[in-house]
Amino acid sequence: MRLMTFRKKNAERSLWINYDHCIISSTYWHNKGIKIENDSKLDFADLNQKTFEVDPIPVDFDHEEELAFGISMLGNDTVAQHEITFLDSEEFGVFDIKWKGKIANTYLGETEFNYDFYVYMKNIKFNGIKIDSSLEKDKVIEFFKTKLVHFDDFELIETDDLELEDYILKIRKQED
């Protein structure tokens, strides 16, 4: 038993040394992303110090695709208990982001969230909202008009034929 534990720990250490990074994504494994539910419209100009708490523990390991994010650290592991805080910058739609959460090495059979992560990202530009190709353009526009305070600062851009979606809602380029 001791030898097995020793080998497992060395295997974990060696994997991390070999790969020295991980991927956390809401799109790579088709997770659902963050659902932002507001009683009022979302105001990008008012996100300073706004914290979103996502996927609190305990989670349902049988439905990991329902989590906001997936992770590949030592394999396909599980990430939850996110606290994502937006910090304003000088430019509309650009933020510093503080993000922390918990990781379970489910790839190795663990079900406890024994590992913490913390990321501080600077000058992250909002890259848009990908729109499912089954939705009609007019209905998408009407929906976002009811959900965004500064809807006129956004535009619905058609994507090329190689994309999985037909449109992306992006921030308009600001004229100088």
C-alpha atoms as a PDB file:
ATOM      1  CA  MET A   1       0.000   0.000   0.000  1.00  0.00           C
ATOM      2  CA  ARG A   2       2.809   2.436   0.817  1.00  0.00           C
ATOM      3  CA  LEU A   3       4.532   1.729  -2.479  1.00  0.00           C
ATOM      4  CA  MET A   4       1.268   2.391  -4.361  1.00  0.00           C
ATOM      5  CA  THR A   5       0.791   5.729  -2.538  1.00  0.00           C
ATOM      6  CA  PHE A   6       4.422   6.667  -3.238  1.00  0.00           C
ATOM      7  CA  ARG A   7       4.049   5.819  -6.943  1.00  0.00           C
ATOM      8  CA  LYS A   8       0.762   7.716  -7.191  1.00  0.00           C
ATOM      9  CA  LYS A   9       2.278  10.843  -5.609  1.00  0.00           C
ATOM     10  CA  ASN A  10       5.330  10.626  -7.841  1.00  0.00           C
ATOM     11  CA  ALA A  11       3.120  10.107 -10.891  1.00  0.00           C
ATOM     12  CA  GLU A  12       1.106  13.232 -10.009  1.00  0.00           C
ATOM     13  CA  ARG A  13       4.282  15.245  -9.436  1.00  0.00           C
ATOM     14  CA  SER A  14       5.840  14.001 -12.652  1.00  0.00           C
ATOM     15  CA  LEU A  15       2.701  14.776 -14.686  1.00  0.00           C
ATOM     16  CA  TRP A  16       2.602  18.316 -13.316  1.00  0.00           C
ATOM     17  CA  ILE A  17       6.321  18.825 -13.996  1.00  0.00           C
ATOM     18  CA  ASN A  18       5.878  17.518 -17.542  1.00  0.00           C
ATOM     19  CA  TYR A  19       2.889  19.680 -18.383  1.00  0.00           C
ATOM     20  CA  ASP A  20       3.290  22.597 -15.911  1.00  0.00           C
ATOM     21  CA  HIS A  21      -0.093  24.123 -16.837  1.00  0.00           C
ATOM     22  CA  CYS A  22      -3.768  23.378 -16.976  1.00  0.00           C
ATOM     23  CA  ILE A  23      -6.820  24.466 -18.967  1.00  0.00           C
ATOM     24  CA  ILE A  24      -9.966  25.833 -17.339  1.00  0.00           C
ATOM     25  CA  SER A  25     -12.662  26.582 -19.888  1.00  0.00           C
ATOM     26  CA  SER A  26     -16.406  26.953 -20.297  1.00  0.00           C
ATOM     27  CA  THR A  27     -16.248  26.121 -24.010  1.00  0.00           C
ATOM     28  CA  TYR A  28     -13.478  23.548 -24.511  1.00  0.00           C
ATOM     29  CA  TRP A  29     -15.561  20.690 -23.040  1.00  0.00           C
ATOM     30  CA  HIS A  30     -18.945  22.310 -23.771  1.00  0.00           C
ATOM     31  CA  ASN A  31     -19.665  23.328 -20.185  1.00  0.00           C
ATOM     32  CA  LYS A  32     -22.501  25.776 -19.638  1.00  0.00           C
ATOM     33  CA  GLY A  33     -20.497  28.852 -18.603  1.00  0.00           C
ATOM     34  CA  ILE A  34     -21.721  31.428 -16.119  1.00  0.00           C
ATOM     35  CA  LYS A  35     -25.418  32.131 -16.103  1.00  0.00           C
ATOM     36  CA  ILE A  36     -25.867  35.730 -15.064  1.00  0.00           C
ATOM     37  CA  GLU A  37     -29.298  36.258 -13.614  1.00  0.00           C
ATOM     38  CA  ASN A  38     -30.201  39.788 -12.692  1.00  0.00           C
ATOM     39  CA  ASP A  39     -33.413  41.391 -11.611  1.00  0.00           C
ATOM     40  CA  SER A  40     -32.138  44.415 -13.493  1.00  0.00           C
ATOM     41  CA  LYS A  41     -30.211  44.787 -16.756  1.00  0.00           C
ATOM     42  CA  LEU A  42     -26.508  43.900 -16.871  1.00  0.00           C
ATOM     43  CA  ASP A  43     -24.368  47.036 -16.904  1.00  0.00           C
ATOM     44  CA  PHE A  44     -20.791  46.471 -18.074  1.00  0.00           C
ATOM     45  CA  ALA A  45     -19.919  49.920 -16.719  1.00  0.00           C
ATOM     46  CA  ASP A  46     -20.997  48.786 -13.231  1.00  0.00           C
ATOM     47  CA  LEU A  47     -19.074  45.512 -12.823  1.00  0.00           C
ATOM     48  CA  ASN A  48     -16.299  46.985 -10.654  1.00  0.00           C
ATOM     49  CA  GLN A  49     -15.864  44.818  -7.543  1.00  0.00           C
ATOM     50  CA  LYS A  50     -18.748  42.582  -8.681  1.00  0.00           C
ATOM     51  CA  THR A  51     -18.165  38.967  -7.608  1.00  0.00           C
ATOM     52  CA  PHE A  52     -19.915  36.006  -9.177  1.00  0.00           C
ATOM     53  CA  GLU A  53     -20.061  32.831  -7.087  1.00  0.00           C
ATOM     54  CA  VAL A  54     -20.475  29.793  -9.328  1.00  0.00           C
ATOM     55  CA  ASP A  55     -20.860  26.026  -8.773  1.00  0.00           C
ATOM     56  CA  PRO A  56     -20.847  25.822  -4.965  1.00  0.00           C
ATOM     57  CA  ILE A  57     -19.701  22.581  -3.366  1.00  0.00           C
ATOM     58  CA  PRO A  58     -21.065  19.883  -3.199  1.00  0.00           C
ATOM     59  CA  VAL A  59     -21.431  19.192  -6.922  1.00  0.00           C
ATOM     60  CA  ASP A  60     -23.055  16.333  -8.807  1.00  0.00           C
ATOM     61  CA  PHE A  61     -20.158  14.345 -10.297  1.00  0.00           C
ATOM     62  CA  ASP A  62     -22.623  12.452 -12.505  1.00  0.00           C
ATOM     63  CA  HIS A  63     -23.489  15.658 -14.383  1.00  0.00           C
ATOM     64  CA  GLU A  64     -20.184  17.531 -14.659  1.00  0.00           C
ATOM     65  CA  GLU A  65     -21.266  18.978 -18.018  1.00  0.00           C
ATOM     66  CA  GLU A  66     -23.742  21.097 -16.028  1.00  0.00           C
ATOM     67  CA  LEU A  67     -20.868  22.854 -14.240  1.00  0.00           C
ATOM     68  CA  ALA A  68     -19.822  26.259 -15.541  1.00  0.00           C
ATOM     69  CA  PHE A  69     -16.239  25.195 -16.296  1.00  0.00           C
ATOM     70  CA  GLY A  70     -14.239  22.083 -17.060  1.00  0.00           C
ATOM     71  CA  ILE A  71     -10.576  21.571 -16.240  1.00  0.00           C
ATOM     72  CA  SER A  72      -7.698  19.491 -17.494  1.00  0.00           C
ATOM     73  CA  MET A  73      -4.929  19.452 -14.928  1.00  0.00           C
ATOM     74  CA  LEU A  74      -3.647  15.883 -14.572  1.00  0.00           C
ATOM     75  CA  GLY A  75      -6.475  14.659 -16.782  1.00  0.00           C
ATOM     76  CA  ASN A  76     -10.143  15.655 -16.940  1.00  0.00           C
ATOM     77  CA  ASP A  77     -10.596  16.778 -13.345  1.00  0.00           C
ATOM     78  CA  THR A  78     -13.382  18.807 -11.716  1.00  0.00           C
ATOM     79  CA  VAL A  79     -13.391  22.474 -10.744  1.00  0.00           C
ATOM     80  CA  ALA A  80     -15.995  24.244  -8.566  1.00  0.00           C
ATOM     81  CA  GLN A  81     -16.567  26.862  -5.831  1.00  0.00           C
ATOM     82  CA  HIS A  82     -15.580  29.724  -8.144  1.00  0.00           C
ATOM     83  CA  GLU A  83     -15.370  33.316  -6.967  1.00  0.00           C
ATOM     84  CA  ILE A  84     -14.829  35.552  -9.997  1.00  0.00           C
ATOM     85  CA  THR A  85     -14.376  39.274  -9.293  1.00  0.00           C
ATOM     86  CA  PHE A  86     -14.243  41.951 -11.978  1.00  0.00           C
ATOM     87  CA  LEU A  87     -12.128  45.068 -11.440  1.00  0.00           C
ATOM     88  CA  ASP A  88     -12.608  48.094 -13.685  1.00  0.00           C
ATOM     89  CA  SER A  89     -10.007  49.421 -16.041  1.00  0.00           C
ATOM     90  CA  GLU A  90     -10.034  52.665 -17.976  1.00  0.00           C
ATOM     91  CA  GLU A  91     -11.476  51.078 -21.134  1.00  0.00           C
ATOM     92  CA  PHE A  92     -15.126  49.993 -21.469  1.00  0.00           C
ATOM     93  CA  GLY A  93     -15.348  46.188 -21.607  1.00  0.00           C
ATOM     94  CA  VAL A  94     -11.791  45.612 -20.335  1.00  0.00           C
ATOM     95  CA  PHE A  95     -11.304  44.241 -16.835  1.00  0.00           C
ATOM     96  CA  ASP A  96      -8.811  42.879 -14.386  1.00  0.00           C
ATOM     97  CA  ILE A  97     -10.209  39.619 -13.050  1.00  0.00           C
ATOM     98  CA  LYS A  98      -9.542  37.838  -9.765  1.00  0.00           C
ATOM     99  CA  TRP A  99     -10.617  34.201  -9.925  1.00  0.00           C
ATOM    100  CA  LYS A 100     -10.291  31.548  -7.286  1.00  0.00           C
ATOM    101  CA  GLY A 101     -11.804  28.117  -6.891  1.00  0.00           C
ATOM    102  CA  LYS A 102     -11.354  24.509  -5.830  1.00  0.00           C
ATOM    103  CA  ILE A 103     -10.142  21.450  -7.767  1.00  0.00           C
ATOM    104  CA  ALA A 104     -10.815  17.743  -7.277  1.00  0.00           C
ATOM    105  CA  ASN A 105      -8.475  15.290  -9.027  1.00  0.00           C
ATOM    106  CA  THR A 106     -11.367  13.206 -10.329  1.00  0.00           C
ATOM    107  CA  TYR A 107      -9.098  11.887 -13.075  1.00  0.00           C
ATOM    108  CA  LEU A 108      -7.282   9.999 -10.296  1.00  0.00           C
ATOM    109  CA  GLY A 109     -10.535   8.955  -8.597  1.00  0.00           C
ATOM    110  CA  GLU A 110     -10.638  11.676  -5.939  1.00  0.00           C
ATOM    111  CA  THR A 111     -13.970  13.292  -5.030  1.00  0.00           C
ATOM    112  CA  GLU A 112     -12.795  15.855  -2.472  1.00  0.00           C
ATOM    113  CA  PHE A 113     -11.934  19.393  -3.552  1.00  0.00           C
ATOM    114  CA  ASN A 114      -8.540  19.441  -1.831  1.00  0.00           C
ATOM    115  CA  TYR A 115      -6.768  21.858  -4.166  1.00  0.00           C
ATOM    116  CA  ASP A 116      -7.144  25.618  -4.476  1.00  0.00           C
ATOM    117  CA  PHE A 117      -6.355  27.807  -7.445  1.00  0.00           C
ATOM    118  CA  TYR A 118      -6.039  31.563  -7.751  1.00  0.00           C
ATOM    119  CA  VAL A 119      -5.588  33.553 -10.949  1.00  0.00           C
ATOM    120  CA  TYR A 120      -5.189  37.301 -11.399  1.00  0.00           C
ATOM    121  CA  MET A 121      -5.624  38.405 -15.000  1.00  0.00           C
ATOM    122  CA  LYS A 122      -4.935  41.943 -16.205  1.00  0.00           C
ATOM    123  CA  ASN A 123      -6.547  43.857 -19.057  1.00  0.00           C
ATOM    124  CA  ILE A 124      -8.917  41.113 -20.197  1.00  0.00           C
ATOM    125  CA  LYS A 125     -11.131  42.314 -23.024  1.00  0.00           C
ATOM    126  CA  PHE A 126     -14.680  41.018 -23.219  1.00  0.00           C
ATOM    127  CA  ASN A 127     -14.566  38.806 -26.296  1.00  0.00           C
ATOM    128  CA  GLY A 128     -18.263  38.551 -26.978  1.00  0.00           C
ATOM    129  CA  ILE A 129     -21.170  36.202 -26.466  1.00  0.00           C
ATOM    130  CA  LYS A 130     -21.402  33.355 -28.944  1.00  0.00           C
ATOM    131  CA  ILE A 131     -24.953  32.911 -30.208  1.00  0.00           C
ATOM    132  CA  ASP A 132     -26.292  29.451 -30.955  1.00  0.00           C
ATOM    133  CA  SER A 133     -26.915  29.017 -34.670  1.00  0.00           C
ATOM    134  CA  SER A 134     -30.493  27.833 -34.080  1.00  0.00           C
ATOM    135  CA  LEU A 135     -31.552  31.292 -32.795  1.00  0.00           C
ATOM    136  CA  GLU A 136     -32.980  33.956 -35.092  1.00  0.00           C
ATOM    137  CA  LYS A 137     -31.048  37.229 -35.339  1.00  0.00           C
ATOM    138  CA  ASP A 138     -34.065  39.474 -34.624  1.00  0.00           C
ATOM    139  CA  LYS A 139     -34.994  37.502 -31.505  1.00  0.00           C
ATOM    140  CA  VAL A 140     -31.402  37.611 -30.251  1.00  0.00           C
ATOM    141  CA  ILE A 141     -31.315  41.403 -30.643  1.00  0.00           C
ATOM    142  CA  GLU A 142     -34.631  41.837 -28.820  1.00  0.00           C
ATOM    143  CA  PHE A 143     -33.458  39.550 -25.998  1.00  0.00           C
ATOM    144  CA  PHE A 144     -30.215  41.468 -25.422  1.00  0.00           C
ATOM    145  CA  LYS A 145     -32.010  44.827 -25.584  1.00  0.00           C
ATOM    146  CA  THR A 146     -33.910  43.704 -22.485  1.00  0.00           C
ATOM    147  CA  LYS A 147     -30.767  42.360 -20.719  1.00  0.00           C
ATOM    148  CA  LEU A 148     -28.024  44.966 -21.332  1.00  0.00           C
ATOM    149  CA  VAL A 149     -28.036  48.565 -20.073  1.00  0.00           C
ATOM    150  CA  HIS A 150     -25.804  49.910 -22.852  1.00  0.00           C
ATOM    151  CA  PHE A 151     -27.076  47.744 -25.707  1.00  0.00           C
ATOM    152  CA  ASP A 152     -26.098  50.440 -28.246  1.00  0.00           C
ATOM    153  CA  ASP A 153     -22.442  49.840 -27.298  1.00  0.00           C
ATOM    154  CA  PHE A 154     -22.705  46.304 -28.707  1.00  0.00           C
ATOM    155  CA  GLU A 155     -23.109  44.858 -32.179  1.00  0.00           C
ATOM    156  CA  LEU A 156     -24.120  41.474 -33.498  1.00  0.00           C
ATOM    157  CA  ILE A 157     -21.396  40.287 -35.875  1.00  0.00           C
ATOM    158  CA  GLU A 158     -21.892  37.518 -38.404  1.00  0.00           C
ATOM    159  CA  THR A 159     -19.210  34.828 -38.228  1.00  0.00           C
ATOM    160  CA  ASP A 160     -17.669  32.975 -41.130  1.00  0.00           C
ATOM    161  CA  ASP A 161     -18.783  29.547 -42.311  1.00  0.00           C
ATOM    162  CA  LEU A 162     -16.159  27.749 -40.207  1.00  0.00           C
ATOM    163  CA  GLU A 163     -17.634  28.875 -36.888  1.00  0.00           C
ATOM    164  CA  LEU A 164     -20.119  26.813 -34.858  1.00  0.00           C
ATOM    165  CA  GLU A 165     -22.297  29.842 -34.293  1.00  0.00           C
ATOM    166  CA  ASP A 166     -23.800  32.305 -36.776  1.00  0.00           C
ATOM    167  CA  TYR A 167     -23.347  35.450 -34.652  1.00  0.00           C
ATOM    168  CA  ILE A 168     -21.265  36.863 -31.810  1.00  0.00           C
ATOM    169  CA  LEU A 169     -22.429  39.824 -29.715  1.00  0.00           C
ATOM    170  CA  LYS A 170     -19.357  42.077 -29.304  1.00  0.00           C
ATOM    171  CA  ILE A 171     -18.580  45.534 -27.996  1.00  0.00           C
ATOM    172  CA  ARG A 172     -18.537  48.096 -30.809  1.00  0.00           C
ATOM    173  CA  LYS A 173     -15.157  49.546 -31.690  1.00  0.00           C
ATOM    174  CA  GLN A 174     -14.913  52.947 -30.045  1.00  0.00           C
ATOM    175  CA  GLU A 175     -14.223  55.888 -32.352  1.00  0.00           C
ATOM    176  CA  ASP A 176     -11.479  58.264 -31.193  1.00  0.00           C
END
